Amino acid sequence: MYSDSTHSNHDEKLTTADDVNDLRSAIALLKQHPGQYLETDRPVDPNAELAGVYRYIGAGGTVKRPTRLGPAMMFNSIKGYPGSRVLVGVHASRERAALLLGCQPHELAFHMARAVKQPLEPVDVPAEQAPCQEQVFLASDPAFDLRKLLPAPTNTPLDAGPFFCLGLVLASDPQEALTDVTIHRLCVQGRDELSMFLATGRHIEVFRQKAEAAGKPLPVTINMGLDPAIYIGACFEAPTTPFGYNELSVAGALRGRPVELVPGVAVPERAIARAEIVIEGELLPNVRVKEDQNTHSGHAMPEFPGYCGDANPSLPVIKVKAVTMRRQAILQTLVGPGEEHTTLAGIPTEASIYNAVEAALPGFLQNVYAHTAGGGKFLAVLQVKKRSANDEGRQGQAALIALATYSELKNVIVVDEDVDPFDSNDVLWAMTTRYQGDVSTTFLPGIRGHQLDPSQMPDYSPSIRERGISCKTIFDCTVPWALKDRFERAPFMDVDPRPFAPSLFE
């Protein structure tokens, strides 16, 4: 049975974004808003079927069509896992992200930009104040088996195995008092083993390398089912959050109260106290496995550009020591190429670009959108306002700052203040009527991009020296200052339409 869950008891206190401090309070907020949350009791297989269903319900993003934006969805009956629940799509719409963070959708970049500049460090709490440790399962128990305990989904039948797609890994520098959090690709490899994909340059990868050089394991906790502010805040990257910046402090700033941490039960590392599920373990030194060693599929899982990524032939291994969880715990996941990735990666990208451009060109950048077509990483639309003849040419400077601020960015489209950067039709209209390819395009070849872009490989073009090298492109779709009066949009009368069609504006 499917039910669109909304809040019906008007005598109960309504939840606001200020009340959200974990996943359950976030769900309570979503339930109050029609169309934002859906539950089903129909049994679903976590192996490809769950993602296959949500593809049609609300995945969006770069998922193969047909797909759409839709509600977050709770699956209450998971085949083979009595009592387990899986939630998908919490972040899979910009409107929902804004609702959960207490701002308007077009204000998300500004909201995040303020938070990253006003960090509020996390605090420690005792175990009795940590719901994540209501249940404890130790890997030393002969009956322990991660594969049977948690219903890690696969996105497609080609996946290397079951993946935890929203595992926020927390680890500390083995030599300095530094802690970092990052979402990583985690594949279940055995009863107590996970493989972990760590991109070069990630701060936790630096921690792992230091520990491995000393011949020691690196303790980690994998935190799942969190306050949405924690997930979004954790996705900032250098140089916005340089080495030593704990991204949990962004969530603290967003909520106006610190994130609570608790010591692990089996490893000397902390966990997020109000998480639904925590996996505790150690990254082993000098141990590697093939990501698809159990399936030999050749594929990892579908990634944000919309393609199935290649299985990595050699990944570090996490030896699981314990799993702790709340009672009736919720496993939170996402569909790899979906809109959820755009929210998680894109909003911090927007905030980073906004802060950088505003510092160099105050008042020039009006807004920025890390577009869904680029998964929140590859494509940005910058809305600028030329205020005088002296601002002509600054649109290119703003685009260069954006490319320098976020190294994985590939293409930048710049539009005027009368173009909605969040409306793709409006952006393409500007490209159609305010752009000439031979004079409005800037090419920047030979720049490092992102290894998951399948076009950034030498066999795609001989101009590409190695995988991950790209030609960055700036599309200037702004009107030259001297021609502004010839490009004024049709001046419709400004009227209030609500009295004429009230049902459309409820």
Protein backbone atom coordinates (compact mmCIF):
# COMPACT_ATOMS: atom_id res chain seq x y z
CA MET A 1 0.00 0.00 0.00
CA TYR A 2 1.35 3.45 -0.94
CA SER A 3 0.55 6.47 1.20
CA ASP A 4 1.47 10.10 0.71
CA SER A 5 2.21 10.96 4.33
CA THR A 6 1.27 14.42 5.54
CA HIS A 7 0.71 15.84 8.99
CA SER A 8 -2.97 15.74 9.88
CA ASN A 9 -3.17 16.44 13.61
CA HIS A 10 -3.33 20.24 13.84
CA ASP A 11 -3.17 20.08 17.64
CA GLU A 12 0.39 18.76 17.55
CA LYS A 13 3.32 21.16 17.58
CA LEU A 14 4.53 21.66 14.02
CA THR A 15 8.16 20.87 13.26
CA THR A 16 10.28 23.62 11.73
CA ALA A 17 13.80 23.61 10.33
CA ASP A 18 14.96 24.96 13.70
CA ASP A 19 13.75 21.73 15.33
CA VAL A 20 15.70 19.39 13.03
CA ASN A 21 18.66 17.69 14.71
CA ASP A 22 18.59 14.23 13.15
CA LEU A 23 16.97 12.23 10.36
CA ARG A 24 13.75 11.52 12.29
CA SER A 25 13.01 15.16 13.01
CA ALA A 26 13.76 15.89 9.33
CA ILE A 27 11.17 13.28 8.33
CA ALA A 28 8.67 14.84 10.75
CA LEU A 29 9.17 18.17 8.97
CA LEU A 30 8.73 16.61 5.52
CA LYS A 31 5.51 14.88 6.58
CA GLN A 32 3.93 18.29 7.18
CA HIS A 33 4.40 19.30 3.54
CA PRO A 34 2.34 17.50 0.86
CA GLY A 35 4.37 15.88 -1.88
CA GLN A 36 7.64 15.77 0.06
CA TYR A 37 7.43 12.32 1.68
CA LEU A 38 6.04 8.91 0.70
CA GLU A 39 5.93 5.51 2.40
CA THR A 40 5.25 2.03 1.08
CA ASP A 41 4.73 -1.27 2.90
CA ARG A 42 5.06 -3.29 -0.31
CA PRO A 43 8.08 -5.64 -0.01
CA VAL A 44 11.05 -4.56 -2.12
CA ASP A 45 14.34 -6.25 -2.96
CA PRO A 46 17.35 -4.05 -2.08
CA ASN A 47 19.21 -5.66 -4.98
CA ALA A 48 18.46 -3.24 -7.86
CA GLU A 49 14.67 -3.24 -7.39
CA LEU A 50 14.54 -0.48 -4.78
CA ALA A 51 16.59 1.90 -6.94
CA GLY A 52 14.62 0.79 -9.98
CA VAL A 53 11.39 1.84 -8.28
CA TYR A 54 12.72 5.18 -7.10
CA ARG A 55 14.07 5.92 -10.57
CA TYR A 56 10.42 6.53 -11.56
CA ILE A 57 9.28 8.11 -8.27
CA GLY A 58 11.82 10.84 -7.66
CA ALA A 59 15.43 10.18 -8.68
CA GLY A 60 15.79 12.89 -11.33
CA GLY A 61 19.30 14.12 -12.03
CA THR A 62 21.29 12.43 -14.79
CA VAL A 63 19.33 9.17 -14.46
CA LYS A 64 18.26 7.70 -17.82
CA ARG A 65 14.80 8.94 -18.77
CA PRO A 66 12.02 8.44 -17.84
CA THR A 67 12.65 9.82 -14.38
CA ARG A 68 11.41 12.82 -12.42
CA LEU A 69 11.72 14.84 -9.26
CA GLY A 70 9.49 13.51 -6.52
CA PRO A 71 9.17 12.87 -2.79
CA ALA A 72 11.61 11.22 -0.44
CA MET A 73 10.48 7.60 -0.11
CA MET A 74 10.56 5.17 2.82
CA PHE A 75 10.48 1.43 2.08
CA ASN A 76 9.14 -0.25 5.22
CA SER A 77 9.45 -3.87 4.07
CA ILE A 78 12.84 -5.04 2.76
CA LYS A 79 13.01 -8.58 1.41
CA GLY A 80 15.36 -10.71 3.50
CA TYR A 81 15.67 -8.09 6.27
CA PRO A 82 12.71 -8.25 8.67
CA GLY A 83 12.24 -5.03 10.59
CA SER A 84 14.61 -2.99 8.40
CA ARG A 85 13.65 0.25 6.68
CA VAL A 86 15.39 2.06 3.80
CA LEU A 87 14.91 5.74 3.01
CA VAL A 88 15.92 7.25 -0.32
CA GLY A 89 15.69 10.72 -1.85
CA VAL A 90 15.79 13.01 1.19
CA HIS A 91 18.00 15.48 -0.69
CA ALA A 92 16.60 14.80 -4.17
CA SER A 93 15.06 18.23 -4.76
CA ARG A 94 16.26 21.77 -4.28
CA GLU A 95 12.90 22.71 -2.79
CA ARG A 96 13.21 19.96 -0.18
CA ALA A 97 16.78 20.94 0.68
CA ALA A 98 15.67 24.51 1.28
CA LEU A 99 12.74 23.35 3.41
CA LEU A 100 15.08 21.24 5.56
CA LEU A 101 17.59 24.06 5.98
CA GLY A 102 15.03 26.80 6.61
CA CYS A 103 15.50 29.05 3.58
CA GLN A 104 14.18 29.60 0.05
CA PRO A 105 15.50 27.47 -2.84
CA HIS A 106 17.14 30.43 -4.60
CA GLU A 107 18.86 31.41 -1.33
CA LEU A 108 20.67 28.12 -0.71
CA ALA A 109 24.04 29.31 -2.02
CA PHE A 110 23.93 32.41 0.20
CA HIS A 111 22.72 30.39 3.21
CA MET A 112 25.59 27.92 2.86
CA ALA A 113 28.10 30.68 2.04
CA ARG A 114 27.41 32.33 5.40
CA ALA A 115 27.60 29.04 7.31
CA VAL A 116 31.01 28.00 5.98
CA LYS A 117 32.44 31.34 7.16
CA GLN A 118 30.93 30.98 10.67
CA PRO A 119 31.85 27.40 11.73
CA LEU A 120 30.60 25.98 15.01
CA GLU A 121 32.75 23.09 16.18
CA PRO A 122 31.17 19.75 17.25
CA VAL A 123 31.02 18.68 20.91
CA ASP A 124 31.35 15.33 22.69
CA VAL A 125 28.48 13.74 24.63
CA PRO A 126 28.40 10.60 26.80
CA ALA A 127 27.06 7.30 25.48
CA GLU A 128 23.78 7.64 27.39
CA GLN A 129 23.01 10.72 25.26
CA ALA A 130 23.80 8.97 21.97
CA PRO A 131 20.78 7.29 20.31
CA CYS A 132 23.13 5.73 17.73
CA GLN A 133 24.31 3.27 20.40
CA GLU A 134 20.91 1.97 21.51
CA GLN A 135 21.84 -1.36 19.85
CA VAL A 136 25.39 -2.74 19.60
CA PHE A 137 26.56 -5.60 17.36
CA LEU A 138 30.20 -6.64 17.75
CA ALA A 139 32.05 -8.24 14.85
CA SER A 140 33.80 -10.55 17.33
CA ASP A 141 30.50 -12.41 17.68
CA PRO A 142 30.69 -15.50 15.39
CA ALA A 143 27.11 -14.80 14.24
CA PHE A 144 27.97 -11.28 13.06
CA ASP A 145 27.52 -10.74 9.33
CA LEU A 146 27.26 -7.25 7.86
CA ARG A 147 25.59 -8.70 4.76
CA LYS A 148 22.68 -10.00 6.83
CA LEU A 149 22.50 -7.18 9.36
CA LEU A 150 22.06 -4.18 7.02
CA PRO A 151 20.20 -4.12 3.67
CA ALA A 152 22.84 -2.25 1.66
CA PRO A 153 21.26 -1.68 -1.77
CA THR A 154 22.63 -2.08 -5.26
CA ASN A 155 21.60 0.58 -7.77
CA THR A 156 21.72 -1.68 -10.86
CA PRO A 157 22.17 -5.38 -11.66
CA LEU A 158 25.70 -4.50 -12.86
CA ASP A 159 26.95 -3.16 -9.52
CA ALA A 160 30.12 -4.59 -7.99
CA GLY A 161 28.07 -5.49 -4.93
CA PRO A 162 25.89 -3.88 -2.27
CA PHE A 163 26.94 -0.31 -1.51
CA PHE A 164 26.47 2.08 1.36
CA CYS A 165 25.90 5.21 -0.72
CA LEU A 166 25.50 7.74 2.09
CA GLY A 167 28.19 6.56 4.49
CA LEU A 168 29.76 9.67 6.00
CA VAL A 169 33.25 8.53 7.02
CA LEU A 170 34.80 10.26 10.03
CA ALA A 171 38.53 9.89 10.73
CA SER A 172 41.35 11.77 12.40
CA ASP A 173 44.92 12.58 11.45
CA PRO A 174 47.19 10.05 13.23
CA GLN A 175 49.81 12.75 13.86
CA GLU A 176 47.83 15.94 14.45
CA ALA A 177 44.62 16.95 16.19
CA LEU A 178 42.60 17.13 12.97
CA THR A 179 39.32 15.42 12.06
CA ASP A 180 37.57 15.21 8.71
CA VAL A 181 34.32 13.83 7.29
CA THR A 182 33.65 12.76 3.70
CA ILE A 183 31.08 10.65 1.85
CA HIS A 184 32.84 7.70 0.21
CA ARG A 185 31.91 4.78 -2.04
CA LEU A 186 31.71 1.74 0.28
CA CYS A 187 31.14 -1.75 -1.13
CA VAL A 188 30.28 -4.68 1.13
CA GLN A 189 32.94 -7.34 0.48
CA GLY A 190 32.32 -9.88 3.26
CA ARG A 191 30.89 -10.51 6.71
CA ASP A 192 33.16 -7.86 8.24
CA GLU A 193 34.87 -6.12 5.33
CA LEU A 194 34.18 -3.10 3.15
CA SER A 195 36.18 -1.65 0.30
CA MET A 196 36.56 2.12 0.28
CA PHE A 197 37.17 4.38 -2.70
CA LEU A 198 39.29 7.39 -1.73
CA ALA A 199 39.97 10.03 -4.36
CA THR A 200 43.44 11.53 -4.47
CA GLY A 201 43.73 14.63 -2.34
CA ARG A 202 40.81 13.90 -0.03
CA HIS A 203 41.80 14.71 3.54
CA ILE A 204 40.91 11.27 4.88
CA GLU A 205 43.12 9.76 2.17
CA VAL A 206 46.00 11.85 3.58
CA PHE A 207 45.21 10.46 7.05
CA ARG A 208 45.17 6.91 5.66
CA GLN A 209 48.50 7.36 3.91
CA LYS A 210 50.10 8.63 7.11
CA ALA A 211 48.79 5.66 9.09
CA GLU A 212 49.84 3.19 6.39
CA ALA A 213 53.34 4.68 6.25
CA ALA A 214 53.60 3.94 9.97
CA GLY A 215 52.25 0.41 9.43
CA LYS A 216 49.14 1.14 11.48
CA PRO A 217 45.41 0.90 10.79
CA LEU A 218 43.33 4.09 10.68
CA PRO A 219 40.22 3.98 12.92
CA VAL A 220 37.06 5.23 11.19
CA THR A 221 33.36 5.47 11.82
CA ILE A 222 30.81 5.33 8.99
CA ASN A 223 27.77 7.39 9.92
CA MET A 224 24.44 6.92 8.12
CA GLY A 225 20.98 8.41 8.52
CA LEU A 226 21.80 11.98 9.53
CA ASP A 227 20.47 15.49 9.89
CA PRO A 228 20.47 16.75 6.26
CA ALA A 229 22.60 19.73 7.31
CA ILE A 230 25.43 17.34 8.20
CA TYR A 231 25.42 15.64 4.79
CA ILE A 232 25.25 18.90 2.83
CA GLY A 233 27.83 20.66 4.99
CA ALA A 234 30.21 17.73 4.67
CA CYS A 235 30.42 18.16 0.90
CA PHE A 236 32.49 21.34 0.90
CA GLU A 237 35.96 20.88 -0.57
CA ALA A 238 39.31 22.67 -0.63
CA PRO A 239 40.16 25.48 -1.01
CA THR A 240 36.88 26.58 0.62
CA THR A 241 37.46 24.13 3.48
CA PRO A 242 41.24 23.67 3.62
CA PHE A 243 43.14 20.83 5.28
CA GLY A 244 42.27 20.86 8.97
CA TYR A 245 38.76 22.32 8.53
CA ASN A 246 36.18 20.00 10.11
CA GLU A 247 33.09 20.22 7.88
CA LEU A 248 30.85 19.13 10.76
CA SER A 249 31.22 22.72 11.93
CA VAL A 250 29.28 23.87 8.84
CA ALA A 251 26.26 21.87 10.04
CA GLY A 252 26.75 23.43 13.47
CA ALA A 253 26.56 26.88 11.90
CA LEU A 254 23.49 25.96 9.84
CA ARG A 255 21.61 24.70 12.91
CA GLY A 256 22.97 27.22 15.41
CA ARG A 257 24.06 24.38 17.69
CA PRO A 258 27.03 21.99 17.53
CA VAL A 259 26.89 18.49 16.10
CA GLU A 260 27.13 15.94 18.92
CA LEU A 261 29.78 13.20 18.82
CA VAL A 262 30.23 10.10 20.97
CA PRO A 263 33.22 7.78 21.44
CA GLY A 264 33.01 4.54 19.46
CA VAL A 265 32.38 1.27 21.27
CA ALA A 266 35.06 -0.72 19.42
CA VAL A 267 37.51 1.77 17.85
CA PRO A 268 39.26 4.89 19.21
CA GLU A 269 37.26 7.29 17.05
CA ARG A 270 34.09 9.30 17.48
CA ALA A 271 30.71 8.80 15.85
CA ILE A 272 27.80 11.14 15.19
CA ALA A 273 25.63 10.66 18.24
CA ARG A 274 22.23 11.06 16.56
CA ALA A 275 23.01 8.90 13.52
CA GLU A 276 20.64 6.07 12.67
CA ILE A 277 23.46 3.58 11.99
CA VAL A 278 27.21 3.64 12.65
CA ILE A 279 29.74 1.15 11.32
CA GLU A 280 33.00 1.19 13.30
CA GLY A 281 36.16 -0.18 11.76
CA GLU A 282 39.78 0.22 10.76
CA LEU A 283 41.32 1.01 7.39
CA LEU A 284 43.97 -1.70 7.14
CA PRO A 285 47.51 -0.82 6.05
CA ASN A 286 48.83 -2.42 2.85
CA VAL A 287 45.67 -4.45 2.15
CA ARG A 288 43.86 -4.05 -1.17
CA VAL A 289 40.95 -5.81 -2.89
CA LYS A 290 39.24 -5.68 -6.29
CA GLU A 291 36.02 -3.76 -5.91
CA ASP A 292 34.08 -6.40 -7.89
CA GLN A 293 35.85 -9.45 -6.44
CA ASN A 294 32.49 -11.08 -5.63
CA THR A 295 30.63 -10.31 -8.86
CA HIS A 296 33.33 -9.74 -11.53
CA SER A 297 30.89 -7.34 -13.20
CA GLY A 298 33.58 -4.88 -14.25
CA HIS A 299 31.41 -2.05 -12.90
CA ALA A 300 31.32 -0.27 -9.57
CA MET A 301 27.98 1.55 -9.41
CA PRO A 302 26.26 4.32 -11.39
CA GLU A 303 28.04 7.61 -10.73
CA PHE A 304 26.79 11.20 -10.89
CA PRO A 305 27.60 11.77 -14.60
CA GLY A 306 24.97 9.12 -15.43
CA TYR A 307 27.26 6.22 -16.37
CA CYS A 308 28.26 3.06 -14.50
CA GLY A 309 31.75 3.62 -13.15
CA ASP A 310 34.47 1.04 -13.65
CA ALA A 311 35.21 -1.29 -10.76
CA ASN A 312 38.48 -0.29 -9.14
CA PRO A 313 41.12 -3.05 -9.27
CA SER A 314 42.77 -2.12 -5.96
CA LEU A 315 40.99 -0.47 -3.05
CA PRO A 316 41.79 -0.15 0.66
CA VAL A 317 39.85 -2.36 3.06
CA ILE A 318 37.91 -1.46 6.20
CA LYS A 319 37.83 -4.26 8.75
CA VAL A 320 34.54 -3.80 10.59
CA LYS A 321 34.71 -4.00 14.37
CA ALA A 322 31.13 -3.15 15.33
CA VAL A 323 27.80 -1.82 14.15
CA THR A 324 25.70 0.37 16.42
CA MET A 325 22.25 1.65 15.63
CA ARG A 326 19.07 3.17 16.91
CA ARG A 327 16.04 1.03 17.59
CA GLN A 328 14.03 0.60 14.37
CA ALA A 329 16.99 2.07 12.54
CA ILE A 330 16.61 3.66 9.09
CA LEU A 331 19.21 2.92 6.43
CA GLN A 332 19.50 6.03 4.27
CA THR A 333 20.66 5.72 0.66
CA LEU A 334 20.58 7.51 -2.69
CA VAL A 335 20.42 6.73 -6.40
CA GLY A 336 23.92 7.43 -7.69
CA PRO A 337 23.22 9.72 -10.67
CA GLY A 338 20.09 11.26 -9.16
CA GLU A 339 19.18 14.80 -8.17
CA GLU A 340 20.31 13.98 -4.64
CA HIS A 341 23.93 14.18 -5.79
CA THR A 342 23.27 17.62 -7.28
CA THR A 343 22.00 18.83 -3.93
CA LEU A 344 24.79 17.33 -1.86
CA ALA A 345 27.67 18.30 -4.14
CA GLY A 346 26.16 21.29 -5.91
CA ILE A 347 24.98 23.53 -3.09
CA PRO A 348 28.41 23.63 -1.40
CA THR A 349 29.89 24.25 -4.87
CA GLU A 350 27.55 27.22 -5.33
CA ALA A 351 28.44 28.62 -1.92
CA SER A 352 32.16 28.24 -2.58
CA ILE A 353 31.91 30.01 -5.94
CA TYR A 354 29.73 32.77 -4.51
CA ASN A 355 32.14 33.53 -1.65
CA ALA A 356 35.16 33.56 -3.97
CA VAL A 357 33.61 35.79 -6.66
CA GLU A 358 32.03 38.13 -4.11
CA ALA A 359 35.43 38.62 -2.45
CA ALA A 360 37.01 39.60 -5.78
CA LEU A 361 34.08 41.40 -7.46
CA PRO A 362 31.71 42.67 -4.74
CA GLY A 363 28.08 42.89 -5.86
CA PHE A 364 28.70 41.57 -9.36
CA LEU A 365 27.57 37.95 -8.96
CA GLN A 366 23.82 37.75 -8.30
CA ASN A 367 23.44 33.98 -7.97
CA VAL A 368 24.98 30.69 -9.06
CA TYR A 369 23.56 27.27 -9.88
CA ALA A 370 25.61 24.07 -10.01
CA HIS A 371 23.44 22.51 -12.67
CA THR A 372 21.88 19.07 -12.41
CA ALA A 373 23.18 18.17 -15.88
CA GLY A 374 26.68 18.25 -14.40
CA GLY A 375 25.74 16.42 -11.23
CA GLY A 376 26.45 19.54 -9.19
CA LYS A 377 30.11 19.38 -10.23
CA PHE A 378 30.72 19.81 -13.97
CA LEU A 379 28.44 22.70 -14.99
CA ALA A 380 27.78 26.06 -13.33
CA VAL A 381 25.47 28.89 -14.38
CA LEU A 382 26.56 32.30 -13.10
CA GLN A 383 24.05 35.15 -13.01
CA VAL A 384 25.82 38.54 -13.08
CA LYS A 385 24.82 42.19 -13.20
CA LYS A 386 26.83 44.66 -15.23
CA ARG A 387 26.37 48.04 -13.54
CA SER A 388 28.49 50.20 -15.85
CA ALA A 389 30.83 50.01 -18.83
CA ASN A 390 33.61 49.17 -16.38
CA ASP A 391 31.92 45.83 -15.63
CA GLU A 392 32.21 44.68 -19.24
CA GLY A 393 34.68 41.78 -19.23
CA ARG A 394 34.20 40.99 -15.55
CA GLN A 395 31.88 38.15 -16.55
CA GLY A 396 34.94 36.30 -17.84
CA GLN A 397 36.84 37.07 -14.68
CA ALA A 398 33.97 35.71 -12.58
CA ALA A 399 33.97 32.51 -14.64
CA LEU A 400 37.74 32.10 -14.21
CA ILE A 401 37.39 32.53 -10.45
CA ALA A 402 34.68 29.84 -10.43
CA LEU A 403 36.92 27.43 -12.34
CA ALA A 404 39.83 28.13 -9.99
CA THR A 405 37.64 27.76 -6.88
CA TYR A 406 36.19 24.39 -7.84
CA SER A 407 38.69 22.32 -9.79
CA GLU A 408 36.17 19.69 -10.94
CA LEU A 409 34.07 22.32 -12.74
CA LYS A 410 34.21 21.84 -16.52
CA ASN A 411 31.83 24.34 -18.18
CA VAL A 412 30.60 27.75 -17.02
CA ILE A 413 27.64 29.59 -18.56
CA VAL A 414 27.34 33.28 -17.67
CA VAL A 415 23.97 35.06 -17.98
CA ASP A 416 22.57 38.51 -17.19
CA GLU A 417 20.45 39.44 -14.20
CA ASP A 418 17.20 39.14 -16.22
CA VAL A 419 17.82 35.42 -16.83
CA ASP A 420 16.82 32.82 -14.22
CA PRO A 421 19.92 30.63 -13.69
CA PHE A 422 17.76 27.82 -12.28
CA ASP A 423 15.52 27.66 -15.38
CA SER A 424 17.28 25.69 -18.13
CA ASN A 425 14.90 27.02 -20.79
CA ASP A 426 15.77 30.58 -19.82
CA VAL A 427 19.50 29.78 -19.84
CA LEU A 428 19.28 28.16 -23.27
CA TRP A 429 17.25 31.16 -24.48
CA ALA A 430 20.13 33.40 -23.44
CA MET A 431 22.58 31.09 -25.19
CA THR A 432 20.43 31.21 -28.32
CA THR A 433 19.88 34.97 -28.49
CA ARG A 434 22.87 36.46 -26.63
CA TYR A 435 25.73 34.18 -27.69
CA GLN A 436 27.89 33.80 -30.78
CA GLY A 437 30.14 30.76 -30.69
CA ASP A 438 33.19 32.35 -32.35
CA VAL A 439 33.36 35.39 -30.08
CA SER A 440 31.51 34.34 -26.92
CA THR A 441 33.43 31.16 -26.07
CA THR A 442 36.67 30.84 -24.13
CA PHE A 443 38.58 27.55 -24.26
CA LEU A 444 41.06 26.56 -21.55
CA PRO A 445 42.66 23.28 -22.65
CA GLY A 446 44.89 20.99 -20.63
CA ILE A 447 43.34 21.66 -17.21
CA ARG A 448 42.79 18.96 -14.59
CA GLY A 449 39.12 18.00 -14.29
CA HIS A 450 37.39 14.91 -12.90
CA GLN A 451 38.27 11.31 -13.64
CA LEU A 452 34.62 10.23 -13.83
CA ASP A 453 33.94 12.35 -16.93
CA PRO A 454 34.15 9.72 -19.71
CA SER A 455 35.06 12.35 -22.31
CA GLN A 456 38.21 13.31 -20.41
CA MET A 457 40.32 10.46 -21.76
CA PRO A 458 43.08 10.31 -24.42
CA ASP A 459 41.11 7.89 -26.61
CA TYR A 460 38.30 10.50 -26.82
CA SER A 461 40.63 13.16 -28.23
CA PRO A 462 44.38 13.24 -28.94
CA SER A 463 44.46 16.67 -27.30
CA ILE A 464 43.89 15.03 -23.89
CA ARG A 465 47.21 13.97 -22.43
CA GLU A 466 45.88 11.68 -19.69
CA ARG A 467 42.67 10.66 -17.97
CA GLY A 468 41.08 13.52 -16.06
CA ILE A 469 42.59 16.29 -18.19
CA SER A 470 39.95 18.51 -19.78
CA CYS A 471 39.29 21.55 -21.91
CA LYS A 472 37.44 23.93 -19.63
CA THR A 473 34.94 26.16 -21.43
CA ILE A 474 33.31 29.52 -20.66
CA PHE A 475 30.10 30.41 -22.51
CA ASP A 476 29.48 34.16 -22.26
CA CYS A 477 25.73 34.56 -22.79
CA THR A 478 25.60 38.11 -21.48
CA VAL A 479 24.69 41.19 -23.51
CA PRO A 480 27.57 43.57 -24.26
CA TRP A 481 27.13 46.67 -22.09
CA ALA A 482 26.99 48.96 -25.12
CA LEU A 483 24.02 47.00 -26.54
CA LYS A 484 21.96 46.65 -23.35
CA ASP A 485 19.03 48.76 -24.59
CA ARG A 486 18.63 46.54 -27.68
CA PHE A 487 18.21 43.36 -25.62
CA GLU A 488 15.47 44.35 -23.19
CA ARG A 489 12.97 41.53 -22.69
CA ALA A 490 9.31 42.13 -23.59
CA PRO A 491 7.95 44.36 -20.75
CA PHE A 492 4.80 42.61 -19.52
CA MET A 493 2.57 44.39 -17.02
CA ASP A 494 3.43 43.49 -13.42
CA VAL A 495 0.18 42.23 -11.87
CA ASP A 496 -0.78 39.95 -9.00
CA PRO A 497 -2.23 36.77 -10.57
CA ARG A 498 -3.40 35.19 -7.30
CA PRO A 499 -6.95 36.62 -7.25
CA PHE A 500 -7.51 35.19 -10.74
CA ALA A 501 -6.20 31.67 -10.05
CA PRO A 502 -5.85 31.17 -6.29
CA SER A 503 -5.57 27.37 -6.49
CA LEU A 504 -2.33 27.66 -8.45
CA PHE A 505 -0.62 29.67 -5.72
CA GLU A 506 -1.64 27.79 -2.57
